[in-house]
Amino acid sequence: MIELTLPDMTCGHCERTVTETVRRVDPQAQLRIDLPAHRVQIDSLQPAERFEQALAEEGYPKA
């Protein structure tokens, strides 16, 4: 389980972008988003660094 805090994830549009980005890295990934806490949990066999890099490129660097 990968847990990331993304301070710039603040709205529904952000949530959709994060979801789409995670799915591009791993289409089979399971994810849970806690928008008020700016947290995303990703269940995937891919390394955390791949998600961190893809999300940062989309404008959502981890805290």
N, C-alpha and C. Protein backbone atom coordinates (compact mmCIF):
# COMPACT_ATOMS: atom_id res chain seq x y z
N MET A 1 0.85 -1.19 0.00
CA MET A 1 0.00 0.00 0.00
C MET A 1 0.89 1.24 0.00
N ILE A 2 0.61 2.11 -0.93
CA ILE A 2 1.34 3.38 -1.05
C ILE A 2 0.40 4.48 -0.57
N GLU A 3 0.87 5.31 0.33
CA GLU A 3 0.05 6.43 0.80
C GLU A 3 0.81 7.72 0.53
N LEU A 4 0.14 8.63 -0.17
CA LEU A 4 0.76 9.92 -0.51
C LEU A 4 -0.12 11.05 -0.03
N THR A 5 0.50 12.10 0.45
CA THR A 5 -0.21 13.33 0.78
C THR A 5 0.08 14.31 -0.36
N LEU A 6 -0.99 14.79 -0.99
CA LEU A 6 -0.87 15.70 -2.13
C LEU A 6 -1.57 17.01 -1.77
N PRO A 7 -0.84 17.98 -1.21
CA PRO A 7 -1.45 19.21 -0.73
C PRO A 7 -2.22 19.99 -1.80
N ASP A 8 -1.83 19.83 -3.07
CA ASP A 8 -2.47 20.59 -4.14
C ASP A 8 -3.74 19.92 -4.68
N MET A 9 -4.11 18.76 -4.15
CA MET A 9 -5.34 18.07 -4.55
C MET A 9 -6.47 18.62 -3.68
N THR A 10 -7.28 19.51 -4.27
CA THR A 10 -8.25 20.24 -3.46
C THR A 10 -9.70 20.18 -3.93
N CYS A 11 -9.94 19.59 -5.12
CA CYS A 11 -11.30 19.63 -5.65
C CYS A 11 -11.60 18.38 -6.47
N GLY A 12 -12.81 18.30 -6.96
CA GLY A 12 -13.24 17.16 -7.75
C GLY A 12 -12.42 16.99 -9.03
N HIS A 13 -12.06 18.10 -9.66
CA HIS A 13 -11.23 18.03 -10.86
C HIS A 13 -9.87 17.42 -10.53
N CYS A 14 -9.30 17.84 -9.42
CA CYS A 14 -8.02 17.30 -8.97
C CYS A 14 -8.14 15.79 -8.74
N GLU A 15 -9.23 15.39 -8.10
CA GLU A 15 -9.46 13.98 -7.81
C GLU A 15 -9.50 13.17 -9.11
N ARG A 16 -10.19 13.68 -10.12
CA ARG A 16 -10.26 12.98 -11.41
C ARG A 16 -8.88 12.89 -12.06
N THR A 17 -8.12 13.98 -12.01
CA THR A 17 -6.78 13.98 -12.61
C THR A 17 -5.87 12.99 -11.91
N VAL A 18 -5.92 12.95 -10.59
CA VAL A 18 -5.10 12.01 -9.82
C VAL A 18 -5.51 10.57 -10.18
N THR A 19 -6.80 10.31 -10.24
CA THR A 19 -7.28 8.97 -10.58
C THR A 19 -6.79 8.56 -11.97
N GLU A 20 -6.93 9.43 -12.95
CA GLU A 20 -6.50 9.13 -14.31
C GLU A 20 -4.99 8.90 -14.38
N THR A 21 -4.24 9.68 -13.62
CA THR A 21 -2.78 9.54 -13.62
C THR A 21 -2.37 8.20 -13.02
N VAL A 22 -2.98 7.84 -11.90
CA VAL A 22 -2.69 6.54 -11.27
C VAL A 22 -3.03 5.42 -12.23
N ARG A 23 -4.15 5.51 -12.92
CA ARG A 23 -4.58 4.46 -13.86
C ARG A 23 -3.63 4.36 -15.06
N ARG A 24 -3.01 5.46 -15.45
CA ARG A 24 -2.04 5.39 -16.55
C ARG A 24 -0.80 4.62 -16.12
N VAL A 25 -0.39 4.78 -14.87
CA VAL A 25 0.77 4.05 -14.36
C VAL A 25 0.43 2.57 -14.19
N ASP A 26 -0.73 2.29 -13.63
CA ASP A 26 -1.16 0.91 -13.40
C ASP A 26 -2.68 0.83 -13.53
N PRO A 27 -3.17 0.34 -14.67
CA PRO A 27 -4.61 0.26 -14.88
C PRO A 27 -5.33 -0.63 -13.86
N GLN A 28 -4.60 -1.54 -13.22
CA GLN A 28 -5.20 -2.45 -12.25
C GLN A 28 -5.15 -1.92 -10.81
N ALA A 29 -4.54 -0.77 -10.60
CA ALA A 29 -4.36 -0.23 -9.25
C ALA A 29 -5.72 0.05 -8.61
N GLN A 30 -5.78 -0.21 -7.32
CA GLN A 30 -6.93 0.17 -6.51
C GLN A 30 -6.54 1.44 -5.77
N LEU A 31 -7.42 2.44 -5.76
CA LEU A 31 -7.05 3.64 -5.03
C LEU A 31 -8.23 4.19 -4.23
N ARG A 32 -7.87 4.83 -3.16
CA ARG A 32 -8.82 5.50 -2.27
C ARG A 32 -8.32 6.92 -2.08
N ILE A 33 -9.23 7.85 -2.29
CA ILE A 33 -8.87 9.27 -2.16
C ILE A 33 -9.64 9.88 -1.01
N ASP A 34 -8.91 10.55 -0.12
CA ASP A 34 -9.50 11.31 0.98
C ASP A 34 -9.22 12.77 0.65
N LEU A 35 -10.17 13.38 -0.06
CA LEU A 35 -9.96 14.75 -0.56
C LEU A 35 -9.76 15.76 0.57
N PRO A 36 -10.58 15.75 1.65
CA PRO A 36 -10.36 16.74 2.71
C PRO A 36 -8.97 16.63 3.36
N ALA A 37 -8.43 15.42 3.42
CA ALA A 37 -7.10 15.23 4.02
C ALA A 37 -5.98 15.31 2.99
N HIS A 38 -6.34 15.48 1.70
CA HIS A 38 -5.37 15.56 0.61
C HIS A 38 -4.52 14.29 0.52
N ARG A 39 -5.14 13.13 0.78
CA ARG A 39 -4.41 11.87 0.80
C ARG A 39 -4.95 10.91 -0.25
N VAL A 40 -4.03 10.14 -0.82
CA VAL A 40 -4.41 9.07 -1.73
C VAL A 40 -3.67 7.80 -1.30
N GLN A 41 -4.41 6.70 -1.28
CA GLN A 41 -3.83 5.39 -0.99
C GLN A 41 -3.93 4.58 -2.27
N ILE A 42 -2.82 3.97 -2.65
CA ILE A 42 -2.75 3.21 -3.90
C ILE A 42 -2.29 1.80 -3.57
N ASP A 43 -3.07 0.83 -4.01
CA ASP A 43 -2.71 -0.57 -3.85
C ASP A 43 -2.26 -1.07 -5.22
N SER A 44 -0.95 -1.25 -5.37
CA SER A 44 -0.38 -1.61 -6.66
C SER A 44 0.96 -2.31 -6.43
N LEU A 45 1.35 -3.11 -7.40
CA LEU A 45 2.66 -3.75 -7.35
C LEU A 45 3.75 -2.86 -7.95
N GLN A 46 3.35 -1.75 -8.56
CA GLN A 46 4.31 -0.80 -9.12
C GLN A 46 5.01 -0.05 -7.98
N PRO A 47 6.26 0.36 -8.19
CA PRO A 47 6.97 1.12 -7.15
C PRO A 47 6.35 2.51 -6.94
N ALA A 48 6.39 2.96 -5.71
CA ALA A 48 5.83 4.26 -5.34
C ALA A 48 6.42 5.38 -6.18
N GLU A 49 7.69 5.28 -6.53
CA GLU A 49 8.36 6.33 -7.28
C GLU A 49 7.69 6.59 -8.62
N ARG A 50 7.15 5.56 -9.25
CA ARG A 50 6.48 5.75 -10.55
C ARG A 50 5.24 6.62 -10.39
N PHE A 51 4.48 6.37 -9.32
CA PHE A 51 3.29 7.19 -9.07
C PHE A 51 3.69 8.60 -8.67
N GLU A 52 4.69 8.72 -7.81
CA GLU A 52 5.14 10.04 -7.36
C GLU A 52 5.58 10.89 -8.53
N GLN A 53 6.35 10.32 -9.45
CA GLN A 53 6.84 11.07 -10.60
C GLN A 53 5.69 11.47 -11.52
N ALA A 54 4.80 10.53 -11.83
CA ALA A 54 3.67 10.83 -12.72
C ALA A 54 2.77 11.91 -12.13
N LEU A 55 2.49 11.82 -10.83
CA LEU A 55 1.63 12.81 -10.18
C LEU A 55 2.31 14.18 -10.12
N ALA A 56 3.61 14.21 -9.85
CA ALA A 56 4.34 15.48 -9.83
C ALA A 56 4.30 16.14 -11.20
N GLU A 57 4.44 15.33 -12.26
CA GLU A 57 4.39 15.88 -13.62
C GLU A 57 3.02 16.48 -13.93
N GLU A 58 1.97 15.99 -13.28
CA GLU A 58 0.62 16.51 -13.48
C GLU A 58 0.31 17.70 -12.56
N GLY A 59 1.28 18.07 -11.70
CA GLY A 59 1.09 19.21 -10.81
C GLY A 59 0.68 18.86 -9.40
N TYR A 60 0.88 17.59 -9.03
CA TYR A 60 0.52 17.13 -7.67
C TYR A 60 1.73 16.49 -7.00
N PRO A 61 2.72 17.30 -6.63
CA PRO A 61 3.87 16.75 -5.92
C PRO A 61 3.46 16.34 -4.51
N LYS A 62 4.14 15.31 -4.00
CA LYS A 62 3.83 14.85 -2.65
C LYS A 62 4.39 15.83 -1.62
N ALA A 63 3.79 15.80 -0.45
CA ALA A 63 4.25 16.68 0.63
C ALA A 63 5.45 16.08 1.31
